[in-house]
Amino acid sequence: MALFVFFTLASPGKVLRALRMLNAQRMLETSDVSIKEVVAQAGFRDESNFLRTFKEIHVVTPSEYRAQYIHGLATCTCFAQKQVRKM
């Protein structure tokens, strides 16, 4: 595990959460499935935790993010994309 943290600069849990969040973000951008379905398909166990975490990262709710993305206003400086780019 020390090598994993050395190369990714994050714990395995943080990287897994980041990948799940990135997957959820992409689903919001490319599909019209419900938020509950996004939560389930992205691998989150708890919808309220997902909603809170998503809003901390994106400053908007998943529904607001989807609406902004459709209108070309969404931007992401989220932890998930930063972590994936480092790999």
N, C-alpha and C. Protein backbone atom coordinates (compact mmCIF):
# COMPACT_ATOMS: atom_id res chain seq x y z
N MET A 1 0.82 -1.19 0.00
CA MET A 1 0.00 0.00 0.00
C MET A 1 0.87 1.26 0.00
N ALA A 2 2.01 1.20 0.60
CA ALA A 2 2.87 2.38 0.63
C ALA A 2 3.27 2.81 -0.79
N LEU A 3 3.52 1.84 -1.66
CA LEU A 3 3.85 2.17 -3.05
C LEU A 3 2.66 2.81 -3.76
N PHE A 4 1.47 2.31 -3.48
CA PHE A 4 0.27 2.88 -4.09
C PHE A 4 0.15 4.35 -3.71
N VAL A 5 0.26 4.64 -2.44
CA VAL A 5 0.16 6.02 -1.97
C VAL A 5 1.30 6.85 -2.54
N PHE A 6 2.49 6.28 -2.62
CA PHE A 6 3.64 7.00 -3.18
C PHE A 6 3.37 7.42 -4.62
N PHE A 7 2.83 6.52 -5.42
CA PHE A 7 2.62 6.82 -6.84
C PHE A 7 1.36 7.63 -7.12
N THR A 8 0.33 7.46 -6.31
CA THR A 8 -0.93 8.17 -6.58
C THR A 8 -1.10 9.40 -5.71
N LEU A 9 -0.31 9.51 -4.65
CA LEU A 9 -0.43 10.61 -3.68
C LEU A 9 -1.78 10.61 -2.98
N ALA A 10 -2.42 9.45 -2.93
CA ALA A 10 -3.71 9.32 -2.26
C ALA A 10 -3.88 7.87 -1.79
N SER A 11 -4.73 7.71 -0.81
CA SER A 11 -5.02 6.36 -0.33
C SER A 11 -5.89 5.62 -1.35
N PRO A 12 -5.89 4.30 -1.31
CA PRO A 12 -6.75 3.54 -2.22
C PRO A 12 -8.23 3.96 -2.11
N GLY A 13 -8.69 4.23 -0.91
CA GLY A 13 -10.08 4.66 -0.71
C GLY A 13 -10.38 5.97 -1.42
N LYS A 14 -9.45 6.92 -1.32
CA LYS A 14 -9.66 8.21 -1.99
C LYS A 14 -9.66 8.05 -3.50
N VAL A 15 -8.79 7.23 -4.01
CA VAL A 15 -8.74 7.01 -5.46
C VAL A 15 -10.02 6.32 -5.93
N LEU A 16 -10.48 5.32 -5.20
CA LEU A 16 -11.71 4.64 -5.57
C LEU A 16 -12.89 5.61 -5.55
N ARG A 17 -12.98 6.44 -4.51
CA ARG A 17 -14.05 7.44 -4.43
C ARG A 17 -13.95 8.43 -5.59
N ALA A 18 -12.75 8.82 -5.93
CA ALA A 18 -12.56 9.76 -7.04
C ALA A 18 -13.00 9.14 -8.36
N LEU A 19 -12.66 7.88 -8.58
CA LEU A 19 -13.07 7.22 -9.82
C LEU A 19 -14.59 7.04 -9.88
N ARG A 20 -15.18 6.72 -8.74
CA ARG A 20 -16.65 6.61 -8.70
C ARG A 20 -17.30 7.96 -8.99
N MET A 21 -16.74 9.03 -8.42
CA MET A 21 -17.30 10.35 -8.64
C MET A 21 -17.15 10.76 -10.10
N LEU A 22 -16.03 10.46 -10.70
CA LEU A 22 -15.82 10.77 -12.11
C LEU A 22 -16.80 9.98 -12.98
N ASN A 23 -17.02 8.72 -12.64
CA ASN A 23 -17.99 7.90 -13.36
C ASN A 23 -19.39 8.50 -13.23
N ALA A 24 -19.77 8.92 -12.05
CA ALA A 24 -21.08 9.55 -11.83
C ALA A 24 -21.20 10.84 -12.63
N GLN A 25 -20.14 11.63 -12.63
CA GLN A 25 -20.15 12.89 -13.39
C GLN A 25 -20.37 12.62 -14.87
N ARG A 26 -19.69 11.63 -15.40
CA ARG A 26 -19.85 11.29 -16.82
C ARG A 26 -21.25 10.80 -17.13
N MET A 27 -21.83 10.02 -16.20
CA MET A 27 -23.21 9.55 -16.42
C MET A 27 -24.18 10.73 -16.43
N LEU A 28 -23.94 11.70 -15.56
CA LEU A 28 -24.81 12.88 -15.54
C LEU A 28 -24.70 13.65 -16.85
N GLU A 29 -23.52 13.65 -17.43
CA GLU A 29 -23.29 14.38 -18.68
C GLU A 29 -23.83 13.66 -19.91
N THR A 30 -23.87 12.34 -19.87
CA THR A 30 -24.15 11.59 -21.09
C THR A 30 -25.44 10.79 -21.07
N SER A 31 -26.16 10.79 -19.98
CA SER A 31 -27.40 10.01 -19.93
C SER A 31 -28.48 10.80 -19.22
N ASP A 32 -29.67 10.27 -19.28
CA ASP A 32 -30.78 10.93 -18.58
C ASP A 32 -31.35 10.03 -17.49
N VAL A 33 -30.54 9.08 -17.02
CA VAL A 33 -31.00 8.22 -15.93
C VAL A 33 -31.17 9.05 -14.66
N SER A 34 -31.97 8.56 -13.75
CA SER A 34 -32.24 9.29 -12.51
C SER A 34 -30.98 9.39 -11.65
N ILE A 35 -31.00 10.33 -10.74
CA ILE A 35 -29.86 10.50 -9.82
C ILE A 35 -29.68 9.23 -8.99
N LYS A 36 -30.79 8.62 -8.55
CA LYS A 36 -30.69 7.37 -7.80
C LYS A 36 -29.96 6.30 -8.61
N GLU A 37 -30.26 6.22 -9.89
CA GLU A 37 -29.61 5.23 -10.75
C GLU A 37 -28.13 5.56 -10.93
N VAL A 38 -27.81 6.83 -11.06
CA VAL A 38 -26.40 7.25 -11.16
C VAL A 38 -25.65 6.82 -9.91
N VAL A 39 -26.25 7.07 -8.76
CA VAL A 39 -25.63 6.70 -7.48
C VAL A 39 -25.36 5.20 -7.45
N ALA A 40 -26.35 4.41 -7.82
CA ALA A 40 -26.21 2.95 -7.78
C ALA A 40 -25.18 2.46 -8.80
N GLN A 41 -25.26 2.94 -10.04
CA GLN A 41 -24.36 2.47 -11.08
C GLN A 41 -22.91 2.90 -10.83
N ALA A 42 -22.73 4.03 -10.19
CA ALA A 42 -21.37 4.50 -9.90
C ALA A 42 -20.75 3.77 -8.72
N GLY A 43 -21.56 3.02 -7.98
CA GLY A 43 -21.02 2.21 -6.89
C GLY A 43 -21.10 2.84 -5.52
N PHE A 44 -21.87 3.90 -5.38
CA PHE A 44 -22.04 4.51 -4.07
C PHE A 44 -23.12 3.77 -3.30
N ARG A 45 -22.91 3.57 -2.01
CA ARG A 45 -23.88 2.86 -1.19
C ARG A 45 -24.97 3.79 -0.66
N ASP A 46 -24.62 5.04 -0.44
CA ASP A 46 -25.50 5.96 0.26
C ASP A 46 -25.75 7.20 -0.59
N GLU A 47 -27.01 7.42 -0.96
CA GLU A 47 -27.34 8.55 -1.82
C GLU A 47 -27.06 9.89 -1.14
N SER A 48 -27.36 10.00 0.14
CA SER A 48 -27.15 11.28 0.82
C SER A 48 -25.66 11.63 0.90
N ASN A 49 -24.82 10.63 1.11
CA ASN A 49 -23.37 10.86 1.13
C ASN A 49 -22.89 11.29 -0.26
N PHE A 50 -23.39 10.64 -1.30
CA PHE A 50 -23.04 11.01 -2.66
C PHE A 50 -23.43 12.46 -2.94
N LEU A 51 -24.67 12.82 -2.59
CA LEU A 51 -25.15 14.19 -2.85
C LEU A 51 -24.30 15.23 -2.13
N ARG A 52 -23.97 14.95 -0.88
CA ARG A 52 -23.14 15.88 -0.10
C ARG A 52 -21.74 16.01 -0.71
N THR A 53 -21.14 14.88 -1.05
CA THR A 53 -19.79 14.88 -1.63
C THR A 53 -19.79 15.56 -2.99
N PHE A 54 -20.79 15.27 -3.82
CA PHE A 54 -20.86 15.88 -5.14
C PHE A 54 -20.95 17.39 -5.02
N LYS A 55 -21.78 17.86 -4.08
CA LYS A 55 -21.96 19.31 -3.92
C LYS A 55 -20.68 19.96 -3.38
N GLU A 56 -19.95 19.27 -2.51
CA GLU A 56 -18.68 19.80 -2.01
C GLU A 56 -17.68 19.99 -3.15
N ILE A 57 -17.68 19.06 -4.09
CA ILE A 57 -16.72 19.10 -5.19
C ILE A 57 -17.15 20.10 -6.26
N HIS A 58 -18.41 20.05 -6.64
CA HIS A 58 -18.90 20.83 -7.79
C HIS A 58 -19.62 22.12 -7.43
N VAL A 59 -19.94 22.30 -6.15
CA VAL A 59 -20.64 23.48 -5.63
C VAL A 59 -22.10 23.55 -6.08
N VAL A 60 -22.57 22.57 -6.79
CA VAL A 60 -23.97 22.46 -7.20
C VAL A 60 -24.42 21.02 -6.99
N THR A 61 -25.72 20.81 -6.97
CA THR A 61 -26.26 19.46 -6.86
C THR A 61 -26.07 18.72 -8.18
N PRO A 62 -26.19 17.39 -8.17
CA PRO A 62 -26.10 16.65 -9.43
C PRO A 62 -27.12 17.11 -10.47
N SER A 63 -28.33 17.41 -10.05
CA SER A 63 -29.35 17.90 -11.00
C SER A 63 -28.96 19.24 -11.60
N GLU A 64 -28.44 20.13 -10.76
CA GLU A 64 -27.99 21.43 -11.26
C GLU A 64 -26.80 21.27 -12.20
N TYR A 65 -25.89 20.35 -11.85
CA TYR A 65 -24.73 20.10 -12.70
C TYR A 65 -25.17 19.62 -14.07
N ARG A 66 -26.11 18.69 -14.09
CA ARG A 66 -26.61 18.15 -15.37
C ARG A 66 -27.22 19.27 -16.22
N ALA A 67 -28.02 20.12 -15.59
CA ALA A 67 -28.65 21.23 -16.32
C ALA A 67 -27.58 22.19 -16.85
N GLN A 68 -26.57 22.49 -16.04
CA GLN A 68 -25.50 23.38 -16.49
C GLN A 68 -24.71 22.75 -17.62
N TYR A 69 -24.46 21.44 -17.54
CA TYR A 69 -23.70 20.76 -18.59
C TYR A 69 -24.45 20.81 -19.91
N ILE A 70 -25.74 20.58 -19.86
CA ILE A 70 -26.56 20.63 -21.06
C ILE A 70 -26.47 22.00 -21.73
N HIS A 71 -26.39 23.05 -20.92
CA HIS A 71 -26.32 24.41 -21.45
C HIS A 71 -24.88 24.90 -21.63
N GLY A 72 -23.91 24.01 -21.46
CA GLY A 72 -22.51 24.37 -21.69
C GLY A 72 -21.89 25.21 -20.60
N LEU A 73 -22.46 25.18 -19.40
CA LEU A 73 -21.95 26.02 -18.32
C LEU A 73 -21.15 25.26 -17.28
N ALA A 74 -21.20 23.94 -17.31
CA ALA A 74 -20.54 23.15 -16.27
C ALA A 74 -19.04 23.11 -16.47
N THR A 75 -18.33 23.26 -15.38
CA THR A 75 -16.88 23.10 -15.37
C THR A 75 -16.53 22.20 -14.20
N CYS A 76 -15.41 21.55 -14.28
CA CYS A 76 -15.01 20.67 -13.18
C CYS A 76 -13.55 20.88 -12.84
N THR A 77 -13.34 21.20 -11.60
CA THR A 77 -11.99 21.24 -11.06
C THR A 77 -11.93 20.24 -9.93
N CYS A 78 -12.67 19.15 -10.10
CA CYS A 78 -12.88 18.22 -9.01
C CYS A 78 -11.67 17.34 -8.74
N PHE A 79 -11.65 16.84 -7.52
CA PHE A 79 -10.61 15.94 -7.04
C PHE A 79 -10.51 14.71 -7.93
N ALA A 80 -11.66 14.19 -8.38
CA ALA A 80 -11.67 12.97 -9.18
C ALA A 80 -10.85 13.13 -10.45
N GLN A 81 -11.07 14.19 -11.18
CA GLN A 81 -10.33 14.37 -12.43
C GLN A 81 -8.85 14.62 -12.16
N LYS A 82 -8.54 15.33 -11.10
CA LYS A 82 -7.14 15.58 -10.77
C LYS A 82 -6.43 14.27 -10.45
N GLN A 83 -7.12 13.39 -9.69
CA GLN A 83 -6.51 12.12 -9.31
C GLN A 83 -6.33 11.21 -10.53
N VAL A 84 -7.31 11.17 -11.40
CA VAL A 84 -7.22 10.30 -12.57
C VAL A 84 -6.11 10.79 -13.49
N ARG A 85 -5.96 12.08 -13.64
CA ARG A 85 -4.90 12.63 -14.50
C ARG A 85 -3.51 12.28 -13.98
N LYS A 86 -3.36 12.13 -12.66
CA LYS A 86 -2.07 11.82 -12.07
C LYS A 86 -1.64 10.39 -12.36
N MET A 87 -2.61 9.50 -12.65
CA MET A 87 -2.29 8.09 -12.84
C MET A 87 -1.66 7.82 -14.17
